[in-house]
């Protein structure tokens, strides 16, 4: 049964929408980390996503109470009516009394449609730029560029006994236990973004049988001390949504990254490791892996 709403009707994201969203993203890939069903579903309660079909476009609106509501870039045939649709999304938000904006618009769309536009203002959102790497580089860590990473991995392997296992439903409770421990260490209850991430991870793991992601784990002395979740973003690109490791073990993140790349992502050319969100430590960590390129994103508004 078709449950797709049509504008002006919106609905919340649910598991029954997975097939439709996946089909749309496959037909009209925008290449940004936000636009997979897994990502939208796991974060749906944090951002309070709602969606509608609007003149041939899949339009997704976020109305988290801590932020001004915004639309993600409309997904559809961008060769026709894209400006009209983005204008309509902005006007919809203005009609609700907000300063309307479409956020996370990839640079390629901005360059193609809005570079010299006199109606729209495009503002770079550096904190949400996606980091994209060559999978082969993250597996082989070639040359002196990755000398420190190789040393960290070598030290870990010499210091600890461990096993890599693909994530299965039976391992979910241990992953949740690690996430709880990680949040206790990081005081997630005091940081809204970390608290939101914790809930998002719970949503993903609780629905492992219904979502399309794969996962990997590192087991030490019978206990999961690291896990990661990722999936296909496009035919040639994987995306990593989650990566968690017990910070007590130096080199564990590096081992997890390399082994998941080798076991789950070797068939892809690229891997998108999402944003740094403007956090300096996260930015340094992502830059230390020497990205092949960034996917810059912009916020589009109508000029005054």
Protein backbone atom coordinates (compact mmCIF):
# COMPACT_ATOMS: atom_id res chain seq x y z
CA UNK A 1 0.00 0.00 0.00
CA UNK A 2 1.32 3.43 -0.95
CA UNK A 3 1.74 5.51 2.21
CA UNK A 4 3.59 8.41 0.61
CA UNK A 5 2.14 11.79 1.67
CA UNK A 6 1.72 14.59 -0.85
CA UNK A 7 2.19 18.24 0.02
CA UNK A 8 0.79 19.92 2.09
CA UNK A 9 0.52 16.66 4.07
CA UNK A 10 3.70 15.58 5.92
CA UNK A 11 4.41 12.42 7.87
CA UNK A 12 7.06 11.21 10.28
CA UNK A 13 9.72 8.79 9.04
CA UNK A 14 8.98 5.14 9.80
CA UNK A 15 10.39 1.77 8.80
CA UNK A 16 7.65 1.30 6.22
CA UNK A 17 9.22 4.18 4.26
CA UNK A 18 12.57 2.42 3.80
CA UNK A 19 11.96 0.90 0.38
CA UNK A 20 10.60 4.14 -1.09
CA UNK A 21 13.45 6.28 0.31
CA UNK A 22 16.09 3.81 -0.85
CA UNK A 23 14.63 3.79 -4.36
CA UNK A 24 14.61 7.59 -4.54
CA UNK A 25 18.17 7.93 -3.22
CA UNK A 26 19.35 5.27 -5.67
CA UNK A 27 17.73 7.05 -8.62
CA UNK A 28 18.76 10.57 -7.61
CA UNK A 29 21.98 10.32 -5.57
CA UNK A 30 23.22 13.61 -4.11
CA UNK A 31 26.26 12.00 -2.48
CA UNK A 32 25.89 13.57 0.98
CA UNK A 33 26.00 11.55 4.17
CA UNK A 34 22.63 12.75 5.43
CA UNK A 35 20.68 11.14 2.62
CA UNK A 36 20.45 7.47 3.45
CA UNK A 37 17.38 5.96 5.02
CA UNK A 38 19.44 4.54 7.89
CA UNK A 39 20.83 7.97 8.78
CA UNK A 40 17.45 9.68 8.59
CA UNK A 41 15.72 6.93 10.57
CA UNK A 42 18.24 6.77 13.40
CA UNK A 43 18.26 10.55 13.80
CA UNK A 44 14.53 11.04 13.17
CA UNK A 45 13.62 11.73 16.80
CA UNK A 46 16.52 14.11 17.41
CA UNK A 47 15.79 16.26 14.35
CA UNK A 48 12.07 15.47 14.31
CA UNK A 49 12.12 14.78 10.59
CA UNK A 50 8.91 14.87 8.60
CA UNK A 51 8.60 14.38 4.86
CA UNK A 52 6.35 14.80 1.86
CA UNK A 53 6.26 14.35 -1.92
CA UNK A 54 6.11 17.77 -3.48
CA UNK A 55 5.93 18.30 -7.24
CA UNK A 56 8.08 15.22 -7.90
CA UNK A 57 10.61 15.88 -5.13
CA UNK A 58 11.13 14.08 -1.85
CA UNK A 59 11.24 16.94 0.66
CA UNK A 60 12.46 16.33 4.22
CA UNK A 61 11.99 18.92 6.93
CA UNK A 62 13.75 19.05 10.31
CA UNK A 63 12.16 20.88 13.21
CA UNK A 64 14.31 20.15 16.23
CA UNK A 65 13.23 22.53 19.03
CA UNK A 66 16.83 23.75 19.57
CA UNK A 67 17.25 24.89 15.96
CA UNK A 68 15.43 26.91 13.36
CA UNK A 69 13.47 24.45 11.21
CA UNK A 70 15.04 23.73 7.84
CA UNK A 71 14.67 21.52 4.78
CA UNK A 72 17.31 19.16 3.50
CA UNK A 73 17.96 19.51 -0.25
CA UNK A 74 14.96 18.26 -2.24
CA UNK A 75 15.67 14.89 -3.85
CA UNK A 76 14.48 14.37 -7.40
CA UNK A 77 15.32 15.33 -10.97
CA UNK A 78 17.58 18.31 -10.32
CA UNK A 79 17.69 19.23 -14.00
CA UNK A 80 14.12 20.50 -13.76
CA UNK A 81 12.43 22.85 -11.32
CA UNK A 82 15.05 22.65 -8.55
CA UNK A 83 15.11 26.39 -7.92
CA UNK A 84 11.33 26.48 -7.88
CA UNK A 85 11.22 23.67 -5.35
CA UNK A 86 13.84 25.19 -3.06
CA UNK A 87 12.02 28.51 -3.21
CA UNK A 88 8.78 26.73 -2.27
CA UNK A 89 10.46 25.02 0.71
CA UNK A 90 11.81 28.34 1.99
CA UNK A 91 8.42 30.02 1.58
CA UNK A 92 6.76 27.14 3.44
CA UNK A 93 9.01 27.81 6.44
CA UNK A 94 8.40 31.55 6.19
CA UNK A 95 4.70 30.84 6.26
CA UNK A 96 5.25 29.10 9.60
CA UNK A 97 7.00 32.20 10.94
CA UNK A 98 10.61 31.09 10.53
CA UNK A 99 13.62 32.37 8.61
CA UNK A 100 13.40 29.77 5.87
CA UNK A 101 16.48 27.88 4.70
CA UNK A 102 17.47 24.73 2.84
CA UNK A 103 20.58 23.29 4.46
CA UNK A 104 23.28 20.73 3.59
CA UNK A 105 23.06 21.50 -0.14
CA UNK A 106 26.07 19.88 -1.86
CA UNK A 107 28.55 22.12 -3.61
CA UNK A 108 27.90 20.52 -7.00
CA UNK A 109 24.25 21.61 -6.92
CA UNK A 110 25.18 25.11 -5.78
CA UNK A 111 27.78 25.46 -8.53
CA UNK A 112 25.37 24.21 -11.17
CA UNK A 113 22.28 26.16 -10.21
CA UNK A 114 23.06 28.97 -7.76
CA UNK A 115 26.61 30.21 -8.44
CA UNK A 116 25.59 33.50 -10.05
CA UNK A 117 22.01 33.63 -8.84
CA UNK A 118 20.58 37.00 -7.81
CA UNK A 119 17.63 35.55 -5.89
CA UNK A 120 19.37 33.11 -3.54
CA UNK A 121 22.13 33.53 -1.00
CA UNK A 122 24.47 30.50 -0.59
CA UNK A 123 26.50 30.35 2.63
CA UNK A 124 29.22 27.74 3.15
CA UNK A 125 28.54 25.37 6.07
CA UNK A 126 32.08 24.11 6.68
CA UNK A 127 31.18 22.27 9.88
CA UNK A 128 28.94 19.91 7.91
CA UNK A 129 31.33 19.21 5.03
CA UNK A 130 31.74 15.47 4.44
CA UNK A 131 35.22 13.94 4.49
CA UNK A 132 35.75 11.48 1.63
CA UNK A 133 38.70 9.07 1.46
CA UNK A 134 40.02 6.43 -0.90
CA UNK A 135 39.09 3.06 0.61
CA UNK A 136 42.37 1.58 -0.59
CA UNK A 137 44.29 4.23 1.36
CA UNK A 138 42.46 3.43 4.60
CA UNK A 139 43.08 -0.28 4.12
CA UNK A 140 46.75 -0.18 3.07
CA UNK A 141 47.83 3.08 4.77
CA UNK A 142 50.50 3.57 2.10
CA UNK A 143 53.78 5.45 2.39
CA UNK A 144 55.08 7.78 5.06
CA UNK A 145 51.85 9.77 5.06
CA UNK A 146 50.28 7.22 7.38
CA UNK A 147 53.36 6.45 9.47
CA UNK A 148 51.68 7.40 12.76
CA UNK A 149 48.55 5.35 11.98
CA UNK A 150 50.62 2.28 11.18
CA UNK A 151 52.57 2.68 14.40
CA UNK A 152 49.37 2.94 16.43
CA UNK A 153 47.98 -0.20 14.81
CA UNK A 154 51.26 -2.09 15.25
CA UNK A 155 51.46 -1.13 18.92
CA UNK A 156 47.87 -2.25 19.51
CA UNK A 157 48.39 -5.59 17.80
CA UNK A 158 51.54 -6.26 19.83
CA UNK A 159 49.88 -5.26 23.10
CA UNK A 160 46.49 -6.98 22.90
CA UNK A 161 44.77 -10.14 21.72
CA UNK A 162 41.61 -9.38 19.77
CA UNK A 163 39.26 -10.64 17.08
CA UNK A 164 37.26 -8.83 14.41
CA UNK A 165 33.66 -9.98 13.95
CA UNK A 166 30.92 -8.73 11.68
CA UNK A 167 28.06 -7.24 13.65
CA UNK A 168 25.09 -9.61 14.09
CA UNK A 169 21.88 -9.17 16.10
CA UNK A 170 23.32 -11.37 18.84
CA UNK A 171 26.11 -8.84 19.42
CA UNK A 172 23.82 -5.81 19.75
CA UNK A 173 23.46 -5.96 23.58
CA UNK A 174 27.25 -5.81 23.98
CA UNK A 175 27.47 -2.86 21.58
CA UNK A 176 24.80 -1.06 23.58
CA UNK A 177 26.73 -1.79 26.77
CA UNK A 178 29.86 -0.26 25.24
CA UNK A 179 27.88 2.78 24.11
CA UNK A 180 26.54 3.25 27.64
CA UNK A 181 30.08 2.97 29.06
CA UNK A 182 31.39 5.46 26.48
CA UNK A 183 28.62 7.91 27.36
CA UNK A 184 29.34 7.57 31.07
CA UNK A 185 32.95 8.53 30.36
CA UNK A 186 31.97 11.45 28.11
CA UNK A 187 29.01 12.66 30.25
CA UNK A 188 26.58 12.45 27.34
CA UNK A 189 23.72 13.52 29.61
CA UNK A 190 25.31 16.98 29.85
CA UNK A 191 25.93 17.39 26.10
CA UNK A 192 22.76 17.49 23.97
CA UNK A 193 24.51 16.42 20.77
CA UNK A 194 26.10 13.37 22.44
CA UNK A 195 22.82 12.49 24.13
CA UNK A 196 21.14 12.71 20.73
CA UNK A 197 23.84 10.53 19.18
CA UNK A 198 23.38 7.93 21.92
CA UNK A 199 19.65 7.71 21.14
CA UNK A 200 20.39 7.54 17.41
CA UNK A 201 22.80 4.63 17.91
CA UNK A 202 20.18 2.82 20.01
CA UNK A 203 17.63 3.33 17.20
CA UNK A 204 19.99 1.89 14.60
CA UNK A 205 21.06 -1.13 16.65
CA UNK A 206 17.53 -1.88 17.84
CA UNK A 207 16.41 -2.09 14.21
CA UNK A 208 19.41 -3.94 12.78
CA UNK A 209 17.16 -6.46 11.05
CA UNK A 210 15.20 -3.79 9.17
CA UNK A 211 17.96 -1.37 8.12
CA UNK A 212 20.57 -1.85 5.41
CA UNK A 213 23.78 -1.04 7.27
CA UNK A 214 26.61 -3.43 8.00
CA UNK A 215 28.65 -3.39 11.17
CA UNK A 216 31.99 -4.52 12.51
CA UNK A 217 33.19 -5.19 16.05
CA UNK A 218 36.47 -5.68 17.87
CA UNK A 219 36.28 -8.30 20.64
CA UNK A 220 38.87 -8.43 23.45
CA UNK A 221 38.70 -11.06 26.19
CA UNK A 222 35.17 -11.93 25.13
CA UNK A 223 33.91 -8.34 25.33
CA UNK A 224 33.12 -5.94 22.50
CA UNK A 225 35.38 -2.93 22.94
CA UNK A 226 34.67 -1.23 19.60
CA UNK A 227 31.99 -1.22 16.93
CA UNK A 228 31.15 0.63 13.74
CA UNK A 229 28.17 0.95 11.38
CA UNK A 230 28.28 1.76 7.68
CA UNK A 231 26.48 1.19 4.38
CA UNK A 232 26.50 1.99 0.68
CA UNK A 233 25.94 5.65 -0.15
CA UNK A 234 26.20 5.12 -3.91
CA UNK A 235 27.62 2.53 -6.28
CA UNK A 236 31.21 3.62 -5.64
CA UNK A 237 31.00 5.14 -2.14
CA UNK A 238 30.38 3.75 1.33
CA UNK A 239 29.43 5.91 4.31
CA UNK A 240 30.33 5.40 7.96
CA UNK A 241 27.59 6.48 10.37
CA UNK A 242 29.00 5.35 13.71
CA UNK A 243 32.42 4.50 15.13
CA UNK A 244 32.81 3.86 18.86
CA UNK A 245 35.74 2.41 20.80
CA UNK A 246 36.75 2.12 24.42
CA UNK A 247 39.22 5.01 24.84
CA UNK A 248 41.24 2.95 27.34
CA UNK A 249 42.92 1.13 24.44
CA UNK A 250 45.26 3.27 22.36
CA UNK A 251 45.11 2.35 18.68
CA UNK A 252 41.70 0.68 18.92
CA UNK A 253 39.95 3.25 16.73
CA UNK A 254 42.64 2.88 14.08
CA UNK A 255 42.37 -0.93 14.09
CA UNK A 256 38.58 -0.79 13.89
CA UNK A 257 38.70 1.63 10.98
CA UNK A 258 41.22 -0.40 8.99
CA UNK A 259 39.55 -3.76 9.59
CA UNK A 260 36.04 -2.56 8.74
CA UNK A 261 37.38 -1.00 5.56
CA UNK A 262 39.04 -4.29 4.65
CA UNK A 263 36.12 -6.56 5.50
CA UNK A 264 33.11 -4.45 4.47
CA UNK A 265 34.23 -1.65 2.16
CA UNK A 266 36.97 -3.05 -0.07
CA UNK A 267 34.62 -3.17 -3.08
CA UNK A 268 34.04 0.61 -2.93
CA UNK A 269 36.34 3.28 -4.35
CA UNK A 270 35.53 5.89 -1.73
CA UNK A 271 34.30 6.09 1.84
CA UNK A 272 32.45 9.09 3.25
CA UNK A 273 33.22 9.50 6.96
CA UNK A 274 30.72 12.30 7.53
CA UNK A 275 31.29 15.69 9.16
CA UNK A 276 33.41 17.11 11.96
CA UNK A 277 30.56 19.35 13.22
CA UNK A 278 33.07 22.08 13.99
CA UNK A 279 34.62 20.10 16.85
CA UNK A 280 38.36 20.72 16.76
CA UNK A 281 39.38 17.27 18.02
CA UNK A 282 37.14 15.54 15.52
CA UNK A 283 38.38 17.80 12.73
CA UNK A 284 42.00 16.92 13.51
CA UNK A 285 41.16 13.21 13.62
CA UNK A 286 39.43 13.31 10.24
CA UNK A 287 42.18 15.39 8.65
CA UNK A 288 44.82 13.00 9.99
CA UNK A 289 43.51 10.33 7.61
CA UNK A 290 44.25 12.63 4.66
CA UNK A 291 40.89 12.95 2.88
CA UNK A 292 40.83 12.60 -0.89
CA UNK A 293 38.35 15.49 -1.00
CA UNK A 294 35.64 17.26 0.98
CA UNK A 295 32.02 17.56 -0.07
CA UNK A 296 31.29 21.12 0.92
CA UNK A 297 27.70 21.96 1.76
CA UNK A 298 25.82 25.23 1.71
CA UNK A 299 22.78 26.84 3.28
CA UNK A 300 20.45 28.45 0.76
CA UNK A 301 18.21 31.37 1.65
CA UNK A 302 16.29 33.93 -0.36
CA UNK A 303 18.02 37.29 -0.44
CA UNK A 304 16.23 40.12 1.38
